[in-house]
Amino acid sequence: MHVKERIVEKAAEMFIKSGIKAITMDDISSDAGVSKRTIYEIFKDKDDLLRSCLSHLDAVFSKDKLQARSEAKNTIDLVFRFIKLGVAAIKTINPLFTSDLKKYHYRIWKETYRKYGDEHQAHIRGILEKGIEEGLFRGSIDVEIVGKLLNEQLRIISDEDVFPSIRFSREAVYENVVINFFRGIATKKGLDMIEKYLEDEADQFVTVG
């Protein structure tokens, strides 16, 4: 593995585990097994490294989403595969990672939101359109409006001001938001499939009520 890739992977692991502020360049140097001088020869500063870490994490998540798409039998199956990926990510990522990004690296947070916002919106739109085509989501919904609504709901899940992790289980918040969102736009056929899925795999979800 190239030195730059090793630094990025190690830094990303440390950031999502402990938050960004708590991790110093000395910590990254020690964990990656390289000198701090080497890090600064490759990255201008911590912000530069952080941008590379965010790109790395996006690539990892994108690979998982592509696999889910290739294995899904229908749109409802795909939605639940994405829910499982989301819950897995929530369990892995310390809430401090998101709050630190927004609080101490606001410019990068805004850059990230703009950079991946359109991609994520297109991704959601594709799911909605496919679900309508399969007769699982109501054809009367405005895909653009509904897609933006879901996108904003997903973003707010990680907002510590809205859902402080000391009071709310992020897994429960995520499942409640996403599952009930799709219940709300589903046709009878789609809703029956959602309820059957939840019944068959109840042990895999924090809440299915």
N, C-alpha and C. Protein backbone atom coordinates (compact mmCIF):
# COMPACT_ATOMS: atom_id res chain seq x y z
N MET A 1 0.84 -1.20 0.00
CA MET A 1 0.00 0.00 0.00
C MET A 1 0.88 1.25 0.00
N HIS A 2 0.53 2.22 -0.82
CA HIS A 2 1.27 3.47 -0.90
C HIS A 2 1.20 4.21 0.43
N VAL A 3 2.26 4.95 0.75
CA VAL A 3 2.33 5.67 2.03
C VAL A 3 1.14 6.62 2.19
N LYS A 4 0.79 7.34 1.13
CA LYS A 4 -0.33 8.28 1.21
C LYS A 4 -1.63 7.55 1.54
N GLU A 5 -1.85 6.41 0.89
CA GLU A 5 -3.07 5.64 1.14
C GLU A 5 -3.12 5.15 2.58
N ARG A 6 -1.96 4.70 3.10
CA ARG A 6 -1.91 4.21 4.48
C ARG A 6 -2.23 5.33 5.47
N ILE A 7 -1.68 6.50 5.22
CA ILE A 7 -1.94 7.64 6.10
C ILE A 7 -3.43 7.99 6.09
N VAL A 8 -4.01 8.04 4.89
CA VAL A 8 -5.43 8.40 4.76
C VAL A 8 -6.32 7.37 5.45
N GLU A 9 -6.05 6.09 5.23
CA GLU A 9 -6.87 5.04 5.84
C GLU A 9 -6.78 5.08 7.36
N LYS A 10 -5.57 5.24 7.89
CA LYS A 10 -5.39 5.28 9.34
C LYS A 10 -6.04 6.52 9.93
N ALA A 11 -5.85 7.66 9.28
CA ALA A 11 -6.43 8.91 9.78
C ALA A 11 -7.96 8.83 9.76
N ALA A 12 -8.52 8.28 8.69
CA ALA A 12 -9.97 8.16 8.58
C ALA A 12 -10.51 7.27 9.70
N GLU A 13 -9.84 6.15 9.95
CA GLU A 13 -10.25 5.25 11.03
C GLU A 13 -10.25 5.97 12.37
N MET A 14 -9.21 6.75 12.62
CA MET A 14 -9.08 7.45 13.89
C MET A 14 -10.12 8.56 14.02
N PHE A 15 -10.37 9.28 12.94
CA PHE A 15 -11.34 10.37 12.97
C PHE A 15 -12.75 9.86 13.27
N ILE A 16 -13.16 8.78 12.59
CA ILE A 16 -14.53 8.29 12.79
C ILE A 16 -14.68 7.58 14.14
N LYS A 17 -13.58 7.14 14.70
CA LYS A 17 -13.64 6.46 15.99
C LYS A 17 -13.65 7.43 17.16
N SER A 18 -12.85 8.50 17.06
CA SER A 18 -12.67 9.40 18.20
C SER A 18 -13.07 10.85 17.95
N GLY A 19 -13.51 11.16 16.73
CA GLY A 19 -13.76 12.55 16.39
C GLY A 19 -12.51 13.16 15.78
N ILE A 20 -12.66 14.33 15.19
CA ILE A 20 -11.54 14.96 14.48
C ILE A 20 -10.66 15.77 15.42
N LYS A 21 -11.27 16.53 16.31
CA LYS A 21 -10.52 17.43 17.18
C LYS A 21 -9.55 16.67 18.08
N ALA A 22 -9.97 15.52 18.57
CA ALA A 22 -9.16 14.77 19.54
C ALA A 22 -7.92 14.14 18.93
N ILE A 23 -7.90 14.01 17.61
CA ILE A 23 -6.79 13.34 16.93
C ILE A 23 -5.78 14.37 16.42
N THR A 24 -4.54 14.22 16.84
CA THR A 24 -3.48 15.13 16.40
C THR A 24 -2.68 14.50 15.27
N MET A 25 -1.88 15.31 14.62
CA MET A 25 -1.01 14.78 13.57
C MET A 25 0.03 13.83 14.17
N ASP A 26 0.41 14.04 15.42
CA ASP A 26 1.32 13.12 16.10
C ASP A 26 0.65 11.76 16.27
N ASP A 27 -0.64 11.76 16.63
CA ASP A 27 -1.38 10.50 16.77
C ASP A 27 -1.41 9.74 15.45
N ILE A 28 -1.68 10.47 14.38
CA ILE A 28 -1.76 9.85 13.06
C ILE A 28 -0.40 9.31 12.64
N SER A 29 0.64 10.08 12.91
CA SER A 29 2.00 9.67 12.59
C SER A 29 2.34 8.35 13.28
N SER A 30 2.01 8.26 14.56
CA SER A 30 2.31 7.06 15.33
C SER A 30 1.51 5.86 14.83
N ASP A 31 0.22 6.05 14.57
CA ASP A 31 -0.64 4.94 14.17
C ASP A 31 -0.32 4.47 12.75
N ALA A 32 0.05 5.40 11.88
CA ALA A 32 0.35 5.04 10.49
C ALA A 32 1.77 4.54 10.31
N GLY A 33 2.59 4.73 11.34
CA GLY A 33 3.97 4.26 11.26
C GLY A 33 4.84 5.08 10.33
N VAL A 34 4.55 6.38 10.26
CA VAL A 34 5.37 7.29 9.44
C VAL A 34 5.70 8.52 10.26
N SER A 35 6.70 9.24 9.84
CA SER A 35 7.07 10.45 10.57
C SER A 35 6.07 11.57 10.28
N LYS A 36 5.98 12.50 11.22
CA LYS A 36 5.09 13.64 10.99
C LYS A 36 5.59 14.47 9.81
N ARG A 37 6.90 14.49 9.63
CA ARG A 37 7.46 15.21 8.49
C ARG A 37 6.95 14.62 7.18
N THR A 38 6.87 13.29 7.12
CA THR A 38 6.36 12.63 5.91
C THR A 38 4.92 13.03 5.64
N ILE A 39 4.12 13.11 6.70
CA ILE A 39 2.72 13.51 6.54
C ILE A 39 2.64 14.90 5.93
N TYR A 40 3.46 15.82 6.46
CA TYR A 40 3.41 17.20 5.98
C TYR A 40 4.04 17.38 4.60
N GLU A 41 4.83 16.40 4.18
CA GLU A 41 5.36 16.43 2.81
C GLU A 41 4.26 16.07 1.80
N ILE A 42 3.27 15.29 2.28
CA ILE A 42 2.18 14.84 1.41
C ILE A 42 0.94 15.72 1.54
N PHE A 43 0.66 16.15 2.77
CA PHE A 43 -0.53 16.96 3.04
C PHE A 43 -0.13 18.32 3.60
N LYS A 44 -0.75 19.35 3.09
CA LYS A 44 -0.43 20.71 3.51
C LYS A 44 -0.68 20.91 5.00
N ASP A 45 -1.83 20.41 5.47
CA ASP A 45 -2.20 20.56 6.87
C ASP A 45 -3.28 19.54 7.21
N LYS A 46 -3.84 19.63 8.40
CA LYS A 46 -4.86 18.68 8.83
C LYS A 46 -6.10 18.76 7.95
N ASP A 47 -6.46 19.97 7.52
CA ASP A 47 -7.62 20.13 6.66
C ASP A 47 -7.43 19.40 5.33
N ASP A 48 -6.23 19.49 4.79
CA ASP A 48 -5.92 18.82 3.53
C ASP A 48 -6.06 17.31 3.69
N LEU A 49 -5.55 16.80 4.81
CA LEU A 49 -5.67 15.37 5.10
C LEU A 49 -7.13 14.99 5.31
N LEU A 50 -7.87 15.82 6.00
CA LEU A 50 -9.28 15.55 6.26
C LEU A 50 -10.07 15.43 4.96
N ARG A 51 -9.79 16.30 4.01
CA ARG A 51 -10.48 16.22 2.71
C ARG A 51 -10.22 14.87 2.04
N SER A 52 -8.98 14.41 2.11
CA SER A 52 -8.65 13.10 1.52
C SER A 52 -9.36 11.98 2.26
N CYS A 53 -9.49 12.12 3.57
CA CYS A 53 -10.19 11.10 4.37
C CYS A 53 -11.67 11.04 3.99
N LEU A 54 -12.27 12.18 3.77
CA LEU A 54 -13.69 12.22 3.39
C LEU A 54 -13.89 11.58 2.02
N SER A 55 -12.98 11.82 1.10
CA SER A 55 -13.06 11.20 -0.22
C SER A 55 -12.91 9.68 -0.11
N HIS A 56 -12.00 9.26 0.76
CA HIS A 56 -11.79 7.83 0.98
C HIS A 56 -13.04 7.17 1.56
N LEU A 57 -13.64 7.79 2.56
CA LEU A 57 -14.84 7.23 3.18
C LEU A 57 -16.00 7.18 2.18
N ASP A 58 -16.11 8.21 1.36
CA ASP A 58 -17.17 8.21 0.34
C ASP A 58 -16.97 7.07 -0.65
N ALA A 59 -15.73 6.80 -1.02
CA ALA A 59 -15.44 5.71 -1.95
C ALA A 59 -15.82 4.36 -1.35
N VAL A 60 -15.54 4.19 -0.06
CA VAL A 60 -15.88 2.94 0.63
C VAL A 60 -17.39 2.76 0.66
N PHE A 61 -18.12 3.81 1.05
CA PHE A 61 -19.57 3.72 1.14
C PHE A 61 -20.19 3.51 -0.25
N SER A 62 -19.62 4.15 -1.27
CA SER A 62 -20.14 4.01 -2.63
C SER A 62 -19.99 2.57 -3.12
N LYS A 63 -18.88 1.95 -2.78
CA LYS A 63 -18.66 0.55 -3.16
C LYS A 63 -19.70 -0.36 -2.52
N ASP A 64 -20.01 -0.11 -1.25
CA ASP A 64 -21.02 -0.91 -0.55
C ASP A 64 -22.40 -0.70 -1.18
N LYS A 65 -22.70 0.54 -1.57
CA LYS A 65 -24.00 0.83 -2.17
C LYS A 65 -24.14 0.16 -3.54
N LEU A 66 -23.06 0.15 -4.30
CA LEU A 66 -23.09 -0.51 -5.61
C LEU A 66 -23.34 -2.01 -5.46
N GLN A 67 -22.73 -2.61 -4.45
CA GLN A 67 -22.94 -4.04 -4.21
C GLN A 67 -24.39 -4.30 -3.82
N ALA A 68 -24.95 -3.43 -2.97
CA ALA A 68 -26.35 -3.57 -2.56
C ALA A 68 -27.27 -3.49 -3.77
N ARG A 69 -26.99 -2.55 -4.67
CA ARG A 69 -27.80 -2.40 -5.88
C ARG A 69 -27.76 -3.66 -6.74
N SER A 70 -26.59 -4.25 -6.86
CA SER A 70 -26.43 -5.41 -7.73
C SER A 70 -27.12 -6.65 -7.15
N GLU A 71 -27.29 -6.68 -5.82
CA GLU A 71 -27.86 -7.86 -5.17
C GLU A 71 -29.36 -7.73 -4.87
N ALA A 72 -29.89 -6.50 -4.90
CA ALA A 72 -31.28 -6.27 -4.52
C ALA A 72 -32.26 -6.89 -5.52
N LYS A 73 -33.32 -7.49 -5.00
CA LYS A 73 -34.34 -8.13 -5.85
C LYS A 73 -35.36 -7.12 -6.36
N ASN A 74 -35.59 -6.07 -5.60
CA ASN A 74 -36.54 -5.02 -5.96
C ASN A 74 -36.22 -3.79 -5.13
N THR A 75 -36.99 -2.72 -5.31
CA THR A 75 -36.67 -1.47 -4.63
C THR A 75 -36.84 -1.56 -3.12
N ILE A 76 -37.84 -2.28 -2.65
CA ILE A 76 -38.02 -2.43 -1.20
C ILE A 76 -36.84 -3.18 -0.60
N ASP A 77 -36.41 -4.22 -1.28
CA ASP A 77 -35.23 -4.97 -0.83
C ASP A 77 -34.01 -4.04 -0.81
N LEU A 78 -33.88 -3.20 -1.84
CA LEU A 78 -32.76 -2.26 -1.90
C LEU A 78 -32.81 -1.27 -0.74
N VAL A 79 -34.00 -0.75 -0.45
CA VAL A 79 -34.15 0.20 0.66
C VAL A 79 -33.67 -0.42 1.97
N PHE A 80 -34.06 -1.65 2.23
CA PHE A 80 -33.66 -2.29 3.48
C PHE A 80 -32.18 -2.65 3.50
N ARG A 81 -31.62 -2.94 2.35
CA ARG A 81 -30.16 -3.15 2.29
C ARG A 81 -29.44 -1.85 2.63
N PHE A 82 -29.96 -0.73 2.13
CA PHE A 82 -29.36 0.56 2.45
C PHE A 82 -29.55 0.91 3.92
N ILE A 83 -30.70 0.55 4.48
CA ILE A 83 -30.93 0.79 5.91
C ILE A 83 -29.88 0.05 6.74
N LYS A 84 -29.62 -1.19 6.38
CA LYS A 84 -28.61 -1.97 7.11
C LYS A 84 -27.23 -1.35 6.97
N LEU A 85 -26.90 -0.85 5.78
CA LEU A 85 -25.62 -0.17 5.59
C LEU A 85 -25.56 1.09 6.44
N GLY A 86 -26.67 1.82 6.49
CA GLY A 86 -26.72 3.04 7.28
C GLY A 86 -26.54 2.78 8.76
N VAL A 87 -27.20 1.75 9.26
CA VAL A 87 -27.07 1.39 10.67
C VAL A 87 -25.64 0.96 10.99
N ALA A 88 -25.04 0.19 10.07
CA ALA A 88 -23.65 -0.24 10.27
C ALA A 88 -22.72 0.96 10.34
N ALA A 89 -22.96 1.96 9.48
CA ALA A 89 -22.14 3.17 9.49
C ALA A 89 -22.33 3.94 10.79
N ILE A 90 -23.57 4.04 11.23
CA ILE A 90 -23.88 4.75 12.47
C ILE A 90 -23.16 4.11 13.66
N LYS A 91 -23.13 2.79 13.68
CA LYS A 91 -22.46 2.08 14.77
C LYS A 91 -20.94 2.30 14.74
N THR A 92 -20.42 2.57 13.55
CA THR A 92 -18.98 2.73 13.37
C THR A 92 -18.51 4.15 13.62
N ILE A 93 -19.34 5.12 13.24
CA ILE A 93 -18.92 6.53 13.27
C ILE A 93 -19.34 7.22 14.56
N ASN A 94 -18.37 7.72 15.29
CA ASN A 94 -18.62 8.48 16.51
C ASN A 94 -19.36 9.77 16.15
N PRO A 95 -20.42 10.13 16.89
CA PRO A 95 -21.14 11.38 16.60
C PRO A 95 -20.23 12.61 16.60
N LEU A 96 -19.12 12.52 17.34
CA LEU A 96 -18.18 13.64 17.38
C LEU A 96 -17.57 13.92 16.01
N PHE A 97 -17.49 12.90 15.17
CA PHE A 97 -16.91 13.09 13.84
C PHE A 97 -17.71 14.14 13.07
N THR A 98 -19.02 13.97 13.04
CA THR A 98 -19.87 14.90 12.31
C THR A 98 -19.92 16.27 12.98
N SER A 99 -20.06 16.27 14.31
CA SER A 99 -20.15 17.56 15.01
C SER A 99 -18.83 18.32 14.94
N ASP A 100 -17.70 17.62 15.02
CA ASP A 100 -16.39 18.28 14.89
C ASP A 100 -16.21 18.85 13.48
N LEU A 101 -16.65 18.08 12.49
CA LEU A 101 -16.52 18.53 11.10
C LEU A 101 -17.27 19.84 10.90
N LYS A 102 -18.48 19.90 11.44
CA LYS A 102 -19.31 21.10 11.26
C LYS A 102 -18.82 22.26 12.13
N LYS A 103 -18.36 21.96 13.34
CA LYS A 103 -17.98 23.02 14.28
C LYS A 103 -16.58 23.58 14.03
N TYR A 104 -15.62 22.70 13.77
CA TYR A 104 -14.23 23.13 13.68
C TYR A 104 -13.68 23.18 12.25
N HIS A 105 -14.42 22.58 11.32
CA HIS A 105 -13.97 22.56 9.92
C HIS A 105 -15.17 22.90 9.04
N TYR A 106 -15.81 24.01 9.35
CA TYR A 106 -17.08 24.35 8.71
C TYR A 106 -16.96 24.49 7.19
N ARG A 107 -15.85 25.07 6.74
CA ARG A 107 -15.67 25.25 5.30
C ARG A 107 -15.65 23.89 4.59
N ILE A 108 -14.96 22.93 5.19
CA ILE A 108 -14.90 21.60 4.59
C ILE A 108 -16.27 20.92 4.67
N TRP A 109 -16.97 21.15 5.77
CA TRP A 109 -18.32 20.59 5.90
C TRP A 109 -19.22 21.11 4.79
N LYS A 110 -19.14 22.42 4.51
CA LYS A 110 -19.95 23.00 3.44
C LYS A 110 -19.52 22.47 2.08
N GLU A 111 -18.21 22.35 1.88
CA GLU A 111 -17.70 21.80 0.61
C GLU A 111 -18.23 20.39 0.40
N THR A 112 -18.18 19.59 1.46
CA THR A 112 -18.63 18.20 1.39
C THR A 112 -20.11 18.13 1.09
N TYR A 113 -20.88 18.98 1.76
CA TYR A 113 -22.33 18.99 1.56
C TYR A 113 -22.67 19.33 0.12
N ARG A 114 -21.95 20.32 -0.44
CA ARG A 114 -22.20 20.70 -1.83
C ARG A 114 -21.73 19.62 -2.79
N LYS A 115 -20.55 19.06 -2.52
CA LYS A 115 -19.95 18.09 -3.43
C LYS A 115 -20.78 16.82 -3.55
N TYR A 116 -21.21 16.30 -2.39
CA TYR A 116 -21.91 15.03 -2.42
C TYR A 116 -23.43 15.19 -2.36
N GLY A 117 -23.90 16.41 -2.11
CA GLY A 117 -25.33 16.64 -2.01
C GLY A 117 -26.07 16.29 -3.28
N ASP A 118 -25.56 16.77 -4.42
CA ASP A 118 -26.22 16.50 -5.70
C ASP A 118 -26.17 15.01 -6.04
N GLU A 119 -25.03 14.37 -5.73
CA GLU A 119 -24.90 12.94 -6.00
C GLU A 119 -25.90 12.15 -5.17
N HIS A 120 -26.00 12.52 -3.90
CA HIS A 120 -26.92 11.82 -3.01
C HIS A 120 -28.36 12.04 -3.44
N GLN A 121 -28.66 13.27 -3.86
CA GLN A 121 -30.00 13.58 -4.32
C GLN A 121 -30.36 12.75 -5.56
N ALA A 122 -29.42 12.62 -6.47
CA ALA A 122 -29.65 11.82 -7.68
C ALA A 122 -29.84 10.35 -7.32
N HIS A 123 -29.09 9.90 -6.34
CA HIS A 123 -29.19 8.52 -5.86
C HIS A 123 -30.59 8.25 -5.30
N ILE A 124 -31.08 9.16 -4.48
CA ILE A 124 -32.42 9.02 -3.90
C ILE A 124 -33.49 9.07 -4.99
N ARG A 125 -33.32 10.00 -5.93
CA ARG A 125 -34.28 10.14 -7.02
C ARG A 125 -34.38 8.84 -7.82
N GLY A 126 -33.24 8.21 -8.05
CA GLY A 126 -33.23 6.95 -8.78
C GLY A 126 -34.02 5.86 -8.06
N ILE A 127 -33.87 5.81 -6.73
CA ILE A 127 -34.61 4.82 -5.94
C ILE A 127 -36.11 5.09 -6.04
N LEU A 128 -36.50 6.34 -5.90
CA LEU A 128 -37.92 6.70 -5.96
C LEU A 128 -38.52 6.38 -7.33
N GLU A 129 -37.81 6.73 -8.38
CA GLU A 129 -38.32 6.48 -9.73
C GLU A 129 -38.45 4.98 -10.01
N LYS A 130 -37.48 4.21 -9.55
CA LYS A 130 -37.53 2.76 -9.75
C LYS A 130 -38.69 2.16 -8.96
N GLY A 131 -38.90 2.67 -7.74
CA GLY A 131 -40.00 2.18 -6.92
C GLY A 131 -41.36 2.48 -7.54
N ILE A 132 -41.48 3.65 -8.15
CA ILE A 132 -42.73 4.01 -8.84
C ILE A 132 -42.93 3.08 -10.04
N GLU A 133 -41.86 2.85 -10.77
CA GLU A 133 -41.92 1.97 -11.95
C GLU A 133 -42.36 0.56 -11.58
N GLU A 134 -41.94 0.10 -10.40
CA GLU A 134 -42.28 -1.25 -9.95
C GLU A 134 -43.64 -1.30 -9.25
N GLY A 135 -44.30 -0.15 -9.13
CA GLY A 135 -45.61 -0.11 -8.48
C GLY A 135 -45.53 -0.19 -6.97
N LEU A 136 -44.37 0.13 -6.41
CA LEU A 136 -44.16 0.04 -4.96
C LEU A 136 -44.31 1.38 -4.26
N PHE A 137 -44.07 2.48 -4.99
CA PHE A 137 -44.27 3.82 -4.46
C PHE A 137 -45.34 4.52 -5.29
N ARG A 138 -46.08 5.41 -4.65
CA ARG A 138 -47.18 6.08 -5.32
C ARG A 138 -46.68 6.97 -6.47
N GLY A 139 -47.32 6.85 -7.60
CA GLY A 139 -46.92 7.62 -8.77
C GLY A 139 -47.25 9.10 -8.65
N SER A 140 -48.06 9.46 -7.67
CA SER A 140 -48.48 10.86 -7.52
C SER A 140 -47.45 11.72 -6.80
N ILE A 141 -46.41 11.11 -6.23
CA ILE A 141 -45.43 11.90 -5.48
C ILE A 141 -44.57 12.71 -6.44
N ASP A 142 -44.14 13.88 -5.98
CA ASP A 142 -43.18 14.69 -6.72
C ASP A 142 -41.80 14.20 -6.31
N VAL A 143 -41.12 13.52 -7.22
CA VAL A 143 -39.85 12.86 -6.90
C VAL A 143 -38.80 13.85 -6.40
N GLU A 144 -38.76 15.04 -6.99
CA GLU A 144 -37.75 16.02 -6.58
C GLU A 144 -38.02 16.52 -5.16
N ILE A 145 -39.27 16.85 -4.87
CA ILE A 145 -39.62 17.36 -3.54
C ILE A 145 -39.42 16.28 -2.48
N VAL A 146 -39.95 15.10 -2.75
CA VAL A 146 -39.86 14.00 -1.79
C VAL A 146 -38.41 13.58 -1.58
N GLY A 147 -37.63 13.60 -2.67
CA GLY A 147 -36.21 13.25 -2.56
C GLY A 147 -35.45 14.23 -1.69
N LYS A 148 -35.72 15.52 -1.86
CA LYS A 148 -35.06 16.54 -1.04
C LYS A 148 -35.46 16.39 0.42
N LEU A 149 -36.73 16.06 0.65
CA LEU A 149 -37.21 15.88 2.02
C LEU A 149 -36.47 14.74 2.71
N LEU A 150 -36.32 13.61 2.02
CA LEU A 150 -35.60 12.49 2.61
C LEU A 150 -34.13 12.85 2.83
N ASN A 151 -33.54 13.54 1.88
CA ASN A 151 -32.14 13.93 1.99
C ASN A 151 -31.90 14.78 3.24
N GLU A 152 -32.80 15.73 3.48
CA GLU A 152 -32.67 16.59 4.65
C GLU A 152 -32.92 15.82 5.95
N GLN A 153 -33.86 14.89 5.91
CA GLN A 153 -34.12 14.07 7.10
C GLN A 153 -32.90 13.22 7.44
N LEU A 154 -32.25 12.68 6.43
CA LEU A 154 -31.05 11.88 6.67
C LEU A 154 -29.92 12.74 7.24
N ARG A 155 -29.82 13.96 6.75
CA ARG A 155 -28.76 14.86 7.23
C ARG A 155 -28.97 15.22 8.69
N ILE A 156 -30.21 15.44 9.08
CA ILE A 156 -30.50 15.92 10.43
C ILE A 156 -30.33 14.82 11.48
N ILE A 157 -30.32 13.57 11.04
CA ILE A 157 -30.17 12.45 11.97
C ILE A 157 -28.88 12.57 12.78
N SER A 158 -27.82 13.04 12.13
CA SER A 158 -26.51 13.13 12.79
C SER A 158 -26.29 14.48 13.48
N ASP A 159 -27.31 15.32 13.50
CA ASP A 159 -27.19 16.64 14.14
C ASP A 159 -27.36 16.49 15.65
N GLU A 160 -26.28 16.70 16.38
CA GLU A 160 -26.31 16.54 17.84
C GLU A 160 -27.23 17.55 18.52
N ASP A 161 -27.49 18.68 17.88
CA ASP A 161 -28.39 19.67 18.47
C ASP A 161 -29.85 19.20 18.41
N VAL A 162 -30.16 18.41 17.41
CA VAL A 162 -31.53 17.91 17.23
C VAL A 162 -31.73 16.58 17.95
N PHE A 163 -30.80 15.65 17.73
CA PHE A 163 -30.88 14.33 18.36
C PHE A 163 -29.59 14.04 19.12
N PRO A 164 -29.42 14.65 20.31
CA PRO A 164 -28.20 14.40 21.09
C PRO A 164 -28.06 12.91 21.41
N SER A 165 -26.88 12.37 21.16
CA SER A 165 -26.67 10.93 21.32
C SER A 165 -26.79 10.45 22.76
N ILE A 166 -26.71 11.37 23.72
CA ILE A 166 -26.88 10.95 25.12
C ILE A 166 -28.34 10.68 25.44
N ARG A 167 -29.25 11.13 24.58
CA ARG A 167 -30.68 10.93 24.80
C ARG A 167 -31.32 9.98 23.79
N PHE A 168 -30.78 9.97 22.58
CA PHE A 168 -31.40 9.19 21.51
C PHE A 168 -30.43 8.16 20.94
N SER A 169 -30.95 6.97 20.70
CA SER A 169 -30.18 5.97 19.96
C SER A 169 -30.20 6.37 18.50
N ARG A 170 -29.03 6.59 17.93
CA ARG A 170 -28.99 7.02 16.53
C ARG A 170 -29.51 5.93 15.60
N GLU A 171 -29.30 4.66 15.98
CA GLU A 171 -29.85 3.58 15.16
C GLU A 171 -31.38 3.66 15.13
N ALA A 172 -31.98 3.91 16.32
CA ALA A 172 -33.43 4.00 16.40
C ALA A 172 -33.96 5.20 15.62
N VAL A 173 -33.27 6.33 15.72
CA VAL A 173 -33.68 7.53 14.98
C VAL A 173 -33.62 7.25 13.48
N TYR A 174 -32.52 6.68 13.04
CA TYR A 174 -32.33 6.39 11.62
C TYR A 174 -33.43 5.46 11.10
N GLU A 175 -33.66 4.36 11.81
CA GLU A 175 -34.67 3.41 11.36
C GLU A 175 -36.06 4.03 11.37
N ASN A 176 -36.40 4.78 12.42
CA ASN A 176 -37.72 5.40 12.48
C ASN A 176 -37.93 6.37 11.33
N VAL A 177 -36.92 7.16 11.03
CA VAL A 177 -37.04 8.14 9.96
C VAL A 177 -37.19 7.45 8.60
N VAL A 178 -36.28 6.54 8.29
CA VAL A 178 -36.26 5.95 6.95
C VAL A 178 -37.42 4.98 6.72
N ILE A 179 -37.65 4.09 7.67
CA ILE A 179 -38.73 3.10 7.48
C ILE A 179 -40.08 3.79 7.36
N ASN A 180 -40.34 4.75 8.24
CA ASN A 180 -41.65 5.42 8.20
C ASN A 180 -41.77 6.36 7.01
N PHE A 181 -40.65 6.88 6.54
CA PHE A 181 -40.69 7.69 5.32
C PHE A 181 -41.19 6.85 4.15
N PHE A 182 -40.60 5.67 3.98
CA PHE A 182 -41.00 4.83 2.85
C PHE A 182 -42.38 4.21 3.05
N ARG A 183 -42.77 3.98 4.29
CA ARG A 183 -44.15 3.58 4.54
C ARG A 183 -45.11 4.65 4.01
N GLY A 184 -44.74 5.90 4.22
CA GLY A 184 -45.62 7.01 3.86
C GLY A 184 -45.82 7.20 2.37
N ILE A 185 -44.86 6.76 1.55
CA ILE A 185 -45.00 6.96 0.10
C ILE A 185 -45.32 5.66 -0.64
N ALA A 186 -45.44 4.57 0.11
CA ALA A 186 -45.64 3.26 -0.52
C ALA A 186 -47.09 3.05 -0.97
N THR A 187 -47.24 2.29 -2.04
CA THR A 187 -48.56 1.80 -2.45
C THR A 187 -48.92 0.65 -1.51
N LYS A 188 -50.12 0.11 -1.65
CA LYS A 188 -50.50 -1.03 -0.82
C LYS A 188 -49.54 -2.20 -1.05
N LYS A 189 -49.19 -2.41 -2.31
CA LYS A 189 -48.25 -3.48 -2.65
C LYS A 189 -46.91 -3.24 -1.95
N GLY A 190 -46.43 -2.01 -2.03
CA GLY A 190 -45.15 -1.68 -1.41
C GLY A 190 -45.21 -1.78 0.10
N LEU A 191 -46.31 -1.30 0.69
CA LEU A 191 -46.46 -1.34 2.14
C LEU A 191 -46.52 -2.78 2.64
N ASP A 192 -47.23 -3.63 1.92
CA ASP A 192 -47.29 -5.05 2.30
C ASP A 192 -45.90 -5.67 2.29
N MET A 193 -45.09 -5.30 1.31
CA MET A 193 -43.73 -5.83 1.22
C MET A 193 -42.86 -5.32 2.36
N ILE A 194 -43.05 -4.04 2.72
CA ILE A 194 -42.29 -3.46 3.83
C ILE A 194 -42.62 -4.18 5.13
N GLU A 195 -43.92 -4.36 5.40
CA GLU A 195 -44.33 -5.01 6.65
C GLU A 195 -43.88 -6.47 6.69
N LYS A 196 -43.92 -7.14 5.54
CA LYS A 196 -43.46 -8.54 5.48
C LYS A 196 -41.96 -8.61 5.75
N TYR A 197 -41.23 -7.68 5.20
CA TYR A 197 -39.78 -7.64 5.40
C TYR A 197 -39.47 -7.43 6.88
N LEU A 198 -40.18 -6.50 7.51
CA LEU A 198 -39.96 -6.21 8.93
C LEU A 198 -40.34 -7.40 9.80
N GLU A 199 -41.39 -8.09 9.41
CA GLU A 199 -41.82 -9.27 10.17
C GLU A 199 -40.79 -10.39 10.07
N ASP A 200 -40.28 -10.60 8.87
CA ASP A 200 -39.33 -11.70 8.65
C ASP A 200 -37.97 -11.43 9.27
N GLU A 201 -37.58 -10.15 9.35
CA GLU A 201 -36.24 -9.82 9.84
C GLU A 201 -36.29 -8.88 11.04
N ALA A 202 -37.29 -9.08 11.89
CA ALA A 202 -37.50 -8.20 13.04
C ALA A 202 -36.28 -8.12 13.95
N ASP A 203 -35.54 -9.22 14.06
CA ASP A 203 -34.39 -9.25 14.97
C ASP A 203 -33.22 -8.41 14.47
N GLN A 204 -33.30 -7.93 13.23
CA GLN A 204 -32.19 -7.15 12.68
C GLN A 204 -32.40 -5.64 12.82
N PHE A 205 -33.53 -5.25 13.42
CA PHE A 205 -33.82 -3.83 13.54
C PHE A 205 -34.04 -3.44 14.99
N VAL A 206 -33.62 -2.22 15.32
CA VAL A 206 -33.77 -1.72 16.68
C VAL A 206 -35.25 -1.55 17.01
N THR A 207 -35.99 -1.03 16.04
CA THR A 207 -37.42 -0.82 16.23
C THR A 207 -38.15 -1.11 14.94
N VAL A 208 -39.24 -1.82 15.03
CA VAL A 208 -40.02 -2.13 13.83
C VAL A 208 -41.48 -1.74 14.02
N GLY A 209 -41.78 -0.99 15.07
CA GLY A 209 -43.16 -0.63 15.34
C GLY A 209 -43.67 0.45 14.43
